[in-house]
Amino acid sequence: FIISRDNAKNTIYLQMNNLKPEDTAVYYCYVR
């Protein structure tokens, strides 16, 4: 997995490669 951000777009990304069945989940964005 690779996380990245684009501050000009106020967006973060999660590139997920070679996915496995154990990656099955609900994925949540978070900020404190």
Full PDB file with SEQRES, HELIX, SHEET, SSBOND, CRYST1, ORIGX, SCALE, CONECT and MASTER records, all heavy atoms in Angstrom:
SEQRES   1 A   32  PHE ILE ILE SER ARG ASP ASN ALA LYS ASN THR ILE TYR          
SEQRES   2 A   32  LEU GLN MET ASN ASN LEU LYS PRO GLU ASP THR ALA VAL          
SEQRES   3 A   32  TYR TYR CYS TYR VAL ARG                                      
HELIX    1 AA1 PRO A   21  ASP A   23  5                                   3    
SHEET    1 AA1 2 ILE A   2  ASP A   6  0                                        
SHEET    2 AA1 2 THR A  11  GLN A  15 -1                                        
CRYST1    1.000    1.000    1.000  90.00  90.00  90.00 P 1           1          
ORIGX1      1.000000  0.000000  0.000000        0.00000                         
ORIGX2      0.000000  1.000000  0.000000        0.00000                         
ORIGX3      0.000000  0.000000  1.000000        0.00000                         
SCALE1      1.000000  0.000000  0.000000        0.00000                         
SCALE2      0.000000  1.000000  0.000000        0.00000                         
SCALE3      0.000000  0.000000  1.000000        0.00000                         
ATOM      1  N   PHE A   1       0.835  -1.197   0.000  1.00  0.00           N  
ATOM      2  CA  PHE A   1       0.000   0.000   0.000  1.00  0.00           C  
ATOM      3  C   PHE A   1       0.872   1.249   0.000  1.00  0.00           C  
ATOM      4  O   PHE A   1       1.950   1.256   0.600  1.00  0.00           O  
ATOM      5  CB  PHE A   1      -0.896   0.046   1.231  1.00  0.00           C  
ATOM      6  CG  PHE A   1      -2.010  -0.969   1.264  1.00  0.00           C  
ATOM      7  CD1 PHE A   1      -2.072  -2.021   0.361  1.00  0.00           C  
ATOM      8  CD2 PHE A   1      -3.006  -0.858   2.221  1.00  0.00           C  
ATOM      9  CE1 PHE A   1      -3.098  -2.953   0.401  1.00  0.00           C  
ATOM     10  CE2 PHE A   1      -4.043  -1.778   2.277  1.00  0.00           C  
ATOM     11  CZ  PHE A   1      -4.086  -2.831   1.365  1.00  0.00           C  
ATOM     12  N   ILE A   2       0.387   2.311  -0.634  1.00  0.00           N  
ATOM     13  CA  ILE A   2       1.077   3.594  -0.661  1.00  0.00           C  
ATOM     14  C   ILE A   2       0.073   4.703  -0.368  1.00  0.00           C  
ATOM     15  O   ILE A   2      -0.930   4.832  -1.071  1.00  0.00           O  
ATOM     16  CB  ILE A   2       1.746   3.859  -2.016  1.00  0.00           C  
ATOM     17  CG1 ILE A   2       2.743   2.747  -2.359  1.00  0.00           C  
ATOM     18  CG2 ILE A   2       2.450   5.218  -2.000  1.00  0.00           C  
ATOM     19  CD1 ILE A   2       3.270   2.811  -3.778  1.00  0.00           C  
ATOM     20  N   ILE A   3       0.359   5.511   0.654  1.00  0.00           N  
ATOM     21  CA  ILE A   3      -0.463   6.676   0.954  1.00  0.00           C  
ATOM     22  C   ILE A   3       0.187   7.916   0.338  1.00  0.00           C  
ATOM     23  O   ILE A   3       1.415   8.034   0.297  1.00  0.00           O  
ATOM     24  CB  ILE A   3      -0.667   6.858   2.477  1.00  0.00           C  
ATOM     25  CG1 ILE A   3      -1.695   7.958   2.765  1.00  0.00           C  
ATOM     26  CG2 ILE A   3       0.649   7.132   3.187  1.00  0.00           C  
ATOM     27  CD1 ILE A   3      -2.096   8.058   4.234  1.00  0.00           C  
ATOM     28  N   SER A   4      -0.640   8.839  -0.139  1.00  0.00           N  
ATOM     29  CA  SER A   4      -0.143  10.095  -0.679  1.00  0.00           C  
ATOM     30  C   SER A   4      -1.171  11.187  -0.415  1.00  0.00           C  
ATOM     31  O   SER A   4      -2.311  10.901  -0.048  1.00  0.00           O  
ATOM     32  CB  SER A   4       0.160   9.983  -2.175  1.00  0.00           C  
ATOM     33  OG  SER A   4      -1.010   9.648  -2.905  1.00  0.00           O  
ATOM     34  N   ARG A   5      -0.756  12.437  -0.603  1.00  0.00           N  
ATOM     35  CA  ARG A   5      -1.687  13.545  -0.422  1.00  0.00           C  
ATOM     36  C   ARG A   5      -1.456  14.607  -1.480  1.00  0.00           C  
ATOM     37  O   ARG A   5      -0.334  14.788  -1.975  1.00  0.00           O  
ATOM     38  CB  ARG A   5      -1.568  14.149   0.988  1.00  0.00           C  
ATOM     39  CG  ARG A   5      -0.264  14.877   1.281  1.00  0.00           C  
ATOM     40  CD  ARG A   5      -0.154  15.228   2.770  1.00  0.00           C  
ATOM     41  NE  ARG A   5      -1.210  16.137   3.191  1.00  0.00           N  
ATOM     42  CZ  ARG A   5      -1.641  16.262   4.442  1.00  0.00           C  
ATOM     43  NH1 ARG A   5      -1.125  15.502   5.405  1.00  0.00           N  
ATOM     44  NH2 ARG A   5      -2.606  17.132   4.730  1.00  0.00           N  
ATOM     45  N   ASP A   6      -2.520  15.310  -1.814  1.00  0.00           N  
ATOM     46  CA  ASP A   6      -2.478  16.421  -2.742  1.00  0.00           C  
ATOM     47  C   ASP A   6      -3.119  17.604  -2.023  1.00  0.00           C  
ATOM     48  O   ASP A   6      -4.345  17.708  -1.954  1.00  0.00           O  
ATOM     49  CB  ASP A   6      -3.218  16.093  -4.033  1.00  0.00           C  
ATOM     50  CG  ASP A   6      -3.077  17.174  -5.088  1.00  0.00           C  
ATOM     51  OD1 ASP A   6      -2.768  18.327  -4.742  1.00  0.00           O  
ATOM     52  OD2 ASP A   6      -3.282  16.861  -6.277  1.00  0.00           O  
ATOM     53  N   ASN A   7      -2.286  18.481  -1.471  1.00  0.00           N  
ATOM     54  CA  ASN A   7      -2.807  19.592  -0.676  1.00  0.00           C  
ATOM     55  C   ASN A   7      -3.609  20.584  -1.519  1.00  0.00           C  
ATOM     56  O   ASN A   7      -4.512  21.242  -1.003  1.00  0.00           O  
ATOM     57  CB  ASN A   7      -1.666  20.314   0.035  1.00  0.00           C  
ATOM     58  CG  ASN A   7      -1.085  19.504   1.173  1.00  0.00           C  
ATOM     59  OD1 ASN A   7      -1.720  18.581   1.689  1.00  0.00           O  
ATOM     60  ND2 ASN A   7       0.127  19.843   1.582  1.00  0.00           N  
ATOM     61  N   ALA A   8      -3.290  20.695  -2.799  1.00  0.00           N  
ATOM     62  CA  ALA A   8      -4.039  21.590  -3.673  1.00  0.00           C  
ATOM     63  C   ALA A   8      -5.473  21.121  -3.867  1.00  0.00           C  
ATOM     64  O   ALA A   8      -6.366  21.921  -4.142  1.00  0.00           O  
ATOM     65  CB  ALA A   8      -3.341  21.724  -5.021  1.00  0.00           C  
ATOM     66  N   LYS A   9      -5.690  19.819  -3.733  1.00  0.00           N  
ATOM     67  CA  LYS A   9      -7.021  19.248  -3.902  1.00  0.00           C  
ATOM     68  C   LYS A   9      -7.664  18.834  -2.589  1.00  0.00           C  
ATOM     69  O   LYS A   9      -8.777  18.295  -2.603  1.00  0.00           O  
ATOM     70  CB  LYS A   9      -6.960  18.040  -4.835  1.00  0.00           C  
ATOM     71  CG  LYS A   9      -6.532  18.378  -6.253  1.00  0.00           C  
ATOM     72  CD  LYS A   9      -6.520  17.137  -7.128  1.00  0.00           C  
ATOM     73  CE  LYS A   9      -6.139  17.479  -8.557  1.00  0.00           C  
ATOM     74  NZ  LYS A   9      -6.117  16.274  -9.423  1.00  0.00           N  
ATOM     75  N   ASN A  10      -6.984  19.057  -1.467  1.00  0.00           N  
ATOM     76  CA  ASN A  10      -7.489  18.642  -0.155  1.00  0.00           C  
ATOM     77  C   ASN A  10      -7.885  17.165  -0.158  1.00  0.00           C  
ATOM     78  O   ASN A  10      -8.953  16.787   0.342  1.00  0.00           O  
ATOM     79  CB  ASN A  10      -8.676  19.501   0.271  1.00  0.00           C  
ATOM     80  CG  ASN A  10      -8.284  20.912   0.645  1.00  0.00           C  
ATOM     81  OD1 ASN A  10      -7.111  21.252   0.752  1.00  0.00           O  
ATOM     82  ND2 ASN A  10      -9.286  21.764   0.842  1.00  0.00           N  
ATOM     83  N   THR A  11      -7.019  16.347  -0.697  1.00  0.00           N  
ATOM     84  CA  THR A  11      -7.340  14.940  -0.891  1.00  0.00           C  
ATOM     85  C   THR A  11      -6.161  14.054  -0.516  1.00  0.00           C  
ATOM     86  O   THR A  11      -5.012  14.404  -0.790  1.00  0.00           O  
ATOM     87  CB  THR A  11      -7.735  14.676  -2.349  1.00  0.00           C  
ATOM     88  OG1 THR A  11      -8.878  15.469  -2.684  1.00  0.00           O  
ATOM     89  CG2 THR A  11      -8.082  13.213  -2.567  1.00  0.00           C  
ATOM     90  N   ILE A  12      -6.459  12.921   0.125  1.00  0.00           N  
ATOM     91  CA  ILE A  12      -5.464  11.877   0.308  1.00  0.00           C  
ATOM     92  C   ILE A  12      -5.890  10.649  -0.479  1.00  0.00           C  
ATOM     93  O   ILE A  12      -7.076  10.453  -0.772  1.00  0.00           O  
ATOM     94  CB  ILE A  12      -5.230  11.508   1.789  1.00  0.00           C  
ATOM     95  CG1 ILE A  12      -6.498  10.931   2.424  1.00  0.00           C  
ATOM     96  CG2 ILE A  12      -4.719  12.698   2.569  1.00  0.00           C  
ATOM     97  CD1 ILE A  12      -6.233  10.251   3.755  1.00  0.00           C  
ATOM     98  N   TYR A  13      -4.901   9.823  -0.792  1.00  0.00           N  
ATOM     99  CA  TYR A  13      -5.132   8.630  -1.588  1.00  0.00           C  
ATOM    100  C   TYR A  13      -4.512   7.423  -0.902  1.00  0.00           C  
ATOM    101  O   TYR A  13      -3.568   7.536  -0.122  1.00  0.00           O  
ATOM    102  CB  TYR A  13      -4.514   8.776  -2.976  1.00  0.00           C  
ATOM    103  CG  TYR A  13      -4.980   9.996  -3.729  1.00  0.00           C  
ATOM    104  CD1 TYR A  13      -4.264  11.189  -3.670  1.00  0.00           C  
ATOM    105  CD2 TYR A  13      -6.140   9.956  -4.493  1.00  0.00           C  
ATOM    106  CE1 TYR A  13      -4.693  12.315  -4.354  1.00  0.00           C  
ATOM    107  CE2 TYR A  13      -6.572  11.077  -5.181  1.00  0.00           C  
ATOM    108  CZ  TYR A  13      -5.847  12.250  -5.110  1.00  0.00           C  
ATOM    109  OH  TYR A  13      -6.271  13.365  -5.790  1.00  0.00           O  
ATOM    110  N   LEU A  14      -5.050   6.268  -1.216  1.00  0.00           N  
ATOM    111  CA  LEU A  14      -4.457   5.012  -0.788  1.00  0.00           C  
ATOM    112  C   LEU A  14      -4.404   4.083  -1.990  1.00  0.00           C  
ATOM    113  O   LEU A  14      -5.435   3.561  -2.423  1.00  0.00           O  
ATOM    114  CB  LEU A  14      -5.252   4.370   0.349  1.00  0.00           C  
ATOM    115  CG  LEU A  14      -4.664   3.075   0.908  1.00  0.00           C  
ATOM    116  CD1 LEU A  14      -3.293   3.327   1.526  1.00  0.00           C  
ATOM    117  CD2 LEU A  14      -5.604   2.456   1.935  1.00  0.00           C  
ATOM    118  N   GLN A  15      -3.204   3.913  -2.529  1.00  0.00           N  
ATOM    119  CA  GLN A  15      -2.988   2.965  -3.610  1.00  0.00           C  
ATOM    120  C   GLN A  15      -2.748   1.596  -2.995  1.00  0.00           C  
ATOM    121  O   GLN A  15      -1.797   1.414  -2.232  1.00  0.00           O  
ATOM    122  CB  GLN A  15      -1.793   3.387  -4.465  1.00  0.00           C  
ATOM    123  CG  GLN A  15      -1.479   2.437  -5.607  1.00  0.00           C  
ATOM    124  CD  GLN A  15      -2.562   2.386  -6.654  1.00  0.00           C  
ATOM    125  OE1 GLN A  15      -3.050   3.424  -7.085  1.00  0.00           O  
ATOM    126  NE2 GLN A  15      -2.963   1.192  -7.059  1.00  0.00           N  
ATOM    127  N   MET A  16      -3.597   0.641  -3.316  1.00  0.00           N  
ATOM    128  CA  MET A  16      -3.530  -0.699  -2.748  1.00  0.00           C  
ATOM    129  C   MET A  16      -3.195  -1.677  -3.867  1.00  0.00           C  
ATOM    130  O   MET A  16      -3.963  -1.836  -4.813  1.00  0.00           O  
ATOM    131  CB  MET A  16      -4.850  -1.080  -2.083  1.00  0.00           C  
ATOM    132  CG  MET A  16      -5.301  -0.085  -1.017  1.00  0.00           C  
ATOM    133  SD  MET A  16      -6.778  -0.641  -0.121  1.00  0.00           S  
ATOM    134  CE  MET A  16      -7.982  -0.580  -1.448  1.00  0.00           C  
ATOM    135  N   ASN A  17      -2.049  -2.321  -3.740  1.00  0.00           N  
ATOM    136  CA  ASN A  17      -1.573  -3.274  -4.732  1.00  0.00           C  
ATOM    137  C   ASN A  17      -1.481  -4.671  -4.141  1.00  0.00           C  
ATOM    138  O   ASN A  17      -1.368  -4.842  -2.928  1.00  0.00           O  
ATOM    139  CB  ASN A  17      -0.204  -2.849  -5.260  1.00  0.00           C  
ATOM    140  CG  ASN A  17      -0.214  -1.494  -5.918  1.00  0.00           C  
ATOM    141  OD1 ASN A  17      -1.107  -1.182  -6.708  1.00  0.00           O  
ATOM    142  ND2 ASN A  17       0.787  -0.675  -5.611  1.00  0.00           N  
ATOM    143  N   ASN A  18      -1.494  -5.666  -5.018  1.00  0.00           N  
ATOM    144  CA  ASN A  18      -1.390  -7.065  -4.598  1.00  0.00           C  
ATOM    145  C   ASN A  18      -2.349  -7.368  -3.452  1.00  0.00           C  
ATOM    146  O   ASN A  18      -1.965  -7.912  -2.413  1.00  0.00           O  
ATOM    147  CB  ASN A  18       0.047  -7.391  -4.199  1.00  0.00           C  
ATOM    148  CG  ASN A  18       0.293  -8.878  -4.031  1.00  0.00           C  
ATOM    149  OD1 ASN A  18      -0.428  -9.706  -4.589  1.00  0.00           O  
ATOM    150  ND2 ASN A  18       1.305  -9.224  -3.245  1.00  0.00           N  
ATOM    151  N   LEU A  19      -3.602  -7.039  -3.667  1.00  0.00           N  
ATOM    152  CA  LEU A  19      -4.602  -7.196  -2.617  1.00  0.00           C  
ATOM    153  C   LEU A  19      -4.818  -8.662  -2.266  1.00  0.00           C  
ATOM    154  O   LEU A  19      -4.767  -9.542  -3.126  1.00  0.00           O  
ATOM    155  CB  LEU A  19      -5.908  -6.554  -3.044  1.00  0.00           C  
ATOM    156  CG  LEU A  19      -5.903  -5.025  -2.930  1.00  0.00           C  
ATOM    157  CD1 LEU A  19      -6.995  -4.424  -3.794  1.00  0.00           C  
ATOM    158  CD2 LEU A  19      -6.068  -4.605  -1.470  1.00  0.00           C  
ATOM    159  N   LYS A  20      -5.071  -8.888  -0.982  1.00  0.00           N  
ATOM    160  CA  LYS A  20      -5.297 -10.217  -0.437  1.00  0.00           C  
ATOM    161  C   LYS A  20      -6.680 -10.289   0.194  1.00  0.00           C  
ATOM    162  O   LYS A  20      -7.231  -9.259   0.597  1.00  0.00           O  
ATOM    163  CB  LYS A  20      -4.235 -10.540   0.619  1.00  0.00           C  
ATOM    164  CG  LYS A  20      -2.807 -10.448   0.109  1.00  0.00           C  
ATOM    165  CD  LYS A  20      -1.807 -10.687   1.225  1.00  0.00           C  
ATOM    166  CE  LYS A  20      -0.387 -10.610   0.712  1.00  0.00           C  
ATOM    167  NZ  LYS A  20       0.605 -10.856   1.794  1.00  0.00           N  
ATOM    168  N   PRO A  21      -7.255 -11.488   0.310  1.00  0.00           N  
ATOM    169  CA  PRO A  21      -8.572 -11.600   0.945  1.00  0.00           C  
ATOM    170  C   PRO A  21      -8.623 -10.981   2.337  1.00  0.00           C  
ATOM    171  O   PRO A  21      -9.663 -10.422   2.724  1.00  0.00           O  
ATOM    172  CB  PRO A  21      -8.803 -13.115   0.998  1.00  0.00           C  
ATOM    173  CG  PRO A  21      -8.054 -13.636  -0.175  1.00  0.00           C  
ATOM    174  CD  PRO A  21      -6.815 -12.775  -0.262  1.00  0.00           C  
ATOM    175  N   GLU A  22      -7.530 -11.044   3.073  1.00  0.00           N  
ATOM    176  CA  GLU A  22      -7.499 -10.463   4.412  1.00  0.00           C  
ATOM    177  C   GLU A  22      -7.513  -8.939   4.413  1.00  0.00           C  
ATOM    178  O   GLU A  22      -7.622  -8.327   5.480  1.00  0.00           O  
ATOM    179  CB  GLU A  22      -6.294 -10.982   5.209  1.00  0.00           C  
ATOM    180  CG  GLU A  22      -4.974 -10.850   4.485  1.00  0.00           C  
ATOM    181  CD  GLU A  22      -4.554 -12.128   3.782  1.00  0.00           C  
ATOM    182  OE1 GLU A  22      -5.413 -12.773   3.156  1.00  0.00           O  
ATOM    183  OE2 GLU A  22      -3.356 -12.486   3.862  1.00  0.00           O  
ATOM    184  N   ASP A  23      -7.402  -8.313   3.243  1.00  0.00           N  
ATOM    185  CA  ASP A  23      -7.560  -6.869   3.136  1.00  0.00           C  
ATOM    186  C   ASP A  23      -9.020  -6.447   3.078  1.00  0.00           C  
ATOM    187  O   ASP A  23      -9.313  -5.243   3.109  1.00  0.00           O  
ATOM    188  CB  ASP A  23      -6.841  -6.337   1.897  1.00  0.00           C  
ATOM    189  CG  ASP A  23      -5.336  -6.528   1.954  1.00  0.00           C  
ATOM    190  OD1 ASP A  23      -4.750  -6.293   3.033  1.00  0.00           O  
ATOM    191  OD2 ASP A  23      -4.748  -6.894   0.920  1.00  0.00           O  
ATOM    192  N   THR A  24      -9.925  -7.399   2.970  1.00  0.00           N  
ATOM    193  CA  THR A  24     -11.351  -7.097   2.929  1.00  0.00           C  
ATOM    194  C   THR A  24     -11.775  -6.371   4.201  1.00  0.00           C  
ATOM    195  O   THR A  24     -11.569  -6.862   5.307  1.00  0.00           O  
ATOM    196  CB  THR A  24     -12.169  -8.377   2.761  1.00  0.00           C  
ATOM    197  OG1 THR A  24     -11.869  -8.977   1.503  1.00  0.00           O  
ATOM    198  CG2 THR A  24     -13.662  -8.081   2.820  1.00  0.00           C  
ATOM    199  N   ALA A  25     -12.355  -5.186   4.036  1.00  0.00           N  
ATOM    200  CA  ALA A  25     -12.739  -4.356   5.180  1.00  0.00           C  
ATOM    201  C   ALA A  25     -13.436  -3.108   4.672  1.00  0.00           C  
ATOM    202  O   ALA A  25     -13.423  -2.806   3.476  1.00  0.00           O  
ATOM    203  CB  ALA A  25     -11.506  -3.960   6.000  1.00  0.00           C  
ATOM    204  N   VAL A  26     -14.025  -2.376   5.603  1.00  0.00           N  
ATOM    205  CA  VAL A  26     -14.450  -1.011   5.331  1.00  0.00           C  
ATOM    206  C   VAL A  26     -13.281  -0.102   5.666  1.00  0.00           C  
ATOM    207  O   VAL A  26     -12.722  -0.177   6.767  1.00  0.00           O  
ATOM    208  CB  VAL A  26     -15.689  -0.616   6.147  1.00  0.00           C  
ATOM    209  CG1 VAL A  26     -16.057   0.843   5.894  1.00  0.00           C  
ATOM    210  CG2 VAL A  26     -16.861  -1.526   5.799  1.00  0.00           C  
ATOM    211  N   TYR A  27     -12.899   0.738   4.734  1.00  0.00           N  
ATOM    212  CA  TYR A  27     -11.763   1.631   4.901  1.00  0.00           C  
ATOM    213  C   TYR A  27     -12.252   3.040   5.218  1.00  0.00           C  
ATOM    214  O   TYR A  27     -13.135   3.573   4.546  1.00  0.00           O  
ATOM    215  CB  TYR A  27     -10.899   1.639   3.640  1.00  0.00           C  
ATOM    216  CG  TYR A  27     -10.053   0.402   3.513  1.00  0.00           C  
ATOM    217  CD1 TYR A  27     -10.630  -0.821   3.187  1.00  0.00           C  
ATOM    218  CD2 TYR A  27      -8.680   0.443   3.740  1.00  0.00           C  
ATOM    219  CE1 TYR A  27      -9.864  -1.974   3.100  1.00  0.00           C  
ATOM    220  CE2 TYR A  27      -7.905  -0.699   3.652  1.00  0.00           C  
ATOM    221  CZ  TYR A  27      -8.499  -1.906   3.334  1.00  0.00           C  
ATOM    222  OH  TYR A  27      -7.727  -3.046   3.239  1.00  0.00           O  
ATOM    223  N   TYR A  28     -11.647   3.641   6.253  1.00  0.00           N  
ATOM    224  CA  TYR A  28     -12.069   4.943   6.753  1.00  0.00           C  
ATOM    225  C   TYR A  28     -10.942   5.961   6.688  1.00  0.00           C  
ATOM    226  O   TYR A  28      -9.810   5.670   7.091  1.00  0.00           O  
ATOM    227  CB  TYR A  28     -12.508   4.845   8.212  1.00  0.00           C  
ATOM    228  CG  TYR A  28     -13.723   3.979   8.454  1.00  0.00           C  
ATOM    229  CD1 TYR A  28     -13.590   2.633   8.759  1.00  0.00           C  
ATOM    230  CD2 TYR A  28     -14.998   4.520   8.383  1.00  0.00           C  
ATOM    231  CE1 TYR A  28     -14.701   1.843   8.990  1.00  0.00           C  
ATOM    232  CE2 TYR A  28     -16.115   3.736   8.613  1.00  0.00           C  
ATOM    233  CZ  TYR A  28     -15.958   2.397   8.914  1.00  0.00           C  
ATOM    234  OH  TYR A  28     -17.066   1.618   9.149  1.00  0.00           O  
ATOM    235  N   CYS A  29     -11.262   7.144   6.242  1.00  0.00           N  
ATOM    236  CA  CYS A  29     -10.375   8.297   6.319  1.00  0.00           C  
ATOM    237  C   CYS A  29     -10.505   8.928   7.701  1.00  0.00           C  
ATOM    238  O   CYS A  29     -11.596   8.958   8.279  1.00  0.00           O  
ATOM    239  CB  CYS A  29     -10.768   9.285   5.225  1.00  0.00           C  
ATOM    240  SG  CYS A  29      -9.673  10.692   5.002  1.00  0.00           S  
ATOM    241  N   TYR A  30      -9.391   9.455   8.244  1.00  0.00           N  
ATOM    242  CA  TYR A  30      -9.370   9.956   9.619  1.00  0.00           C  
ATOM    243  C   TYR A  30      -8.458  11.161   9.757  1.00  0.00           C  
ATOM    244  O   TYR A  30      -7.387  11.213   9.142  1.00  0.00           O  
ATOM    245  CB  TYR A  30      -8.878   8.839  10.551  1.00  0.00           C  
ATOM    246  CG  TYR A  30      -8.512   9.296  11.943  1.00  0.00           C  
ATOM    247  CD1 TYR A  30      -9.472   9.378  12.953  1.00  0.00           C  
ATOM    248  CD2 TYR A  30      -7.201   9.634  12.251  1.00  0.00           C  
ATOM    249  CE1 TYR A  30      -9.127   9.788  14.229  1.00  0.00           C  
ATOM    250  CE2 TYR A  30      -6.859  10.042  13.531  1.00  0.00           C  
ATOM    251  CZ  TYR A  30      -7.821  10.115  14.512  1.00  0.00           C  
ATOM    252  OH  TYR A  30      -7.484  10.521  15.778  1.00  0.00           O  
ATOM    253  N   VAL A  31      -8.881  12.117  10.591  1.00  0.00           N  
ATOM    254  CA  VAL A  31      -8.023  13.229  10.968  1.00  0.00           C  
ATOM    255  C   VAL A  31      -8.287  13.603  12.423  1.00  0.00           C  
ATOM    256  O   VAL A  31      -9.437  13.596  12.874  1.00  0.00           O  
ATOM    257  CB  VAL A  31      -8.221  14.455  10.041  1.00  0.00           C  
ATOM    258  CG1 VAL A  31      -9.647  15.002  10.134  1.00  0.00           C  
ATOM    259  CG2 VAL A  31      -7.211  15.554  10.364  1.00  0.00           C  
ATOM    260  N   ARG A  32      -7.226  13.904  13.162  1.00  0.00           N  
ATOM    261  CA  ARG A  32      -7.346  14.460  14.504  1.00  0.00           C  
ATOM    262  C   ARG A  32      -6.986  15.932  14.427  1.00  0.00           C  
ATOM    263  O   ARG A  32      -5.850  16.282  14.099  1.00  0.00           O  
ATOM    264  CB  ARG A  32      -6.442  13.737  15.491  1.00  0.00           C  
ATOM    265  CG  ARG A  32      -6.427  14.364  16.886  1.00  0.00           C  
ATOM    266  CD  ARG A  32      -5.666  13.517  17.877  1.00  0.00           C  
ATOM    267  NE  ARG A  32      -6.398  12.306  18.193  1.00  0.00           N  
ATOM    268  CZ  ARG A  32      -5.919  11.325  18.951  1.00  0.00           C  
ATOM    269  NH1 ARG A  32      -4.692  11.417  19.457  1.00  0.00           N  
ATOM    270  NH2 ARG A  32      -6.658  10.249  19.184  1.00  0.00           N  
TER     271      ARG A  32                                                      
MASTER        0    0    0    1    2    0    0    6  270    1    0    3          
END                                                                             
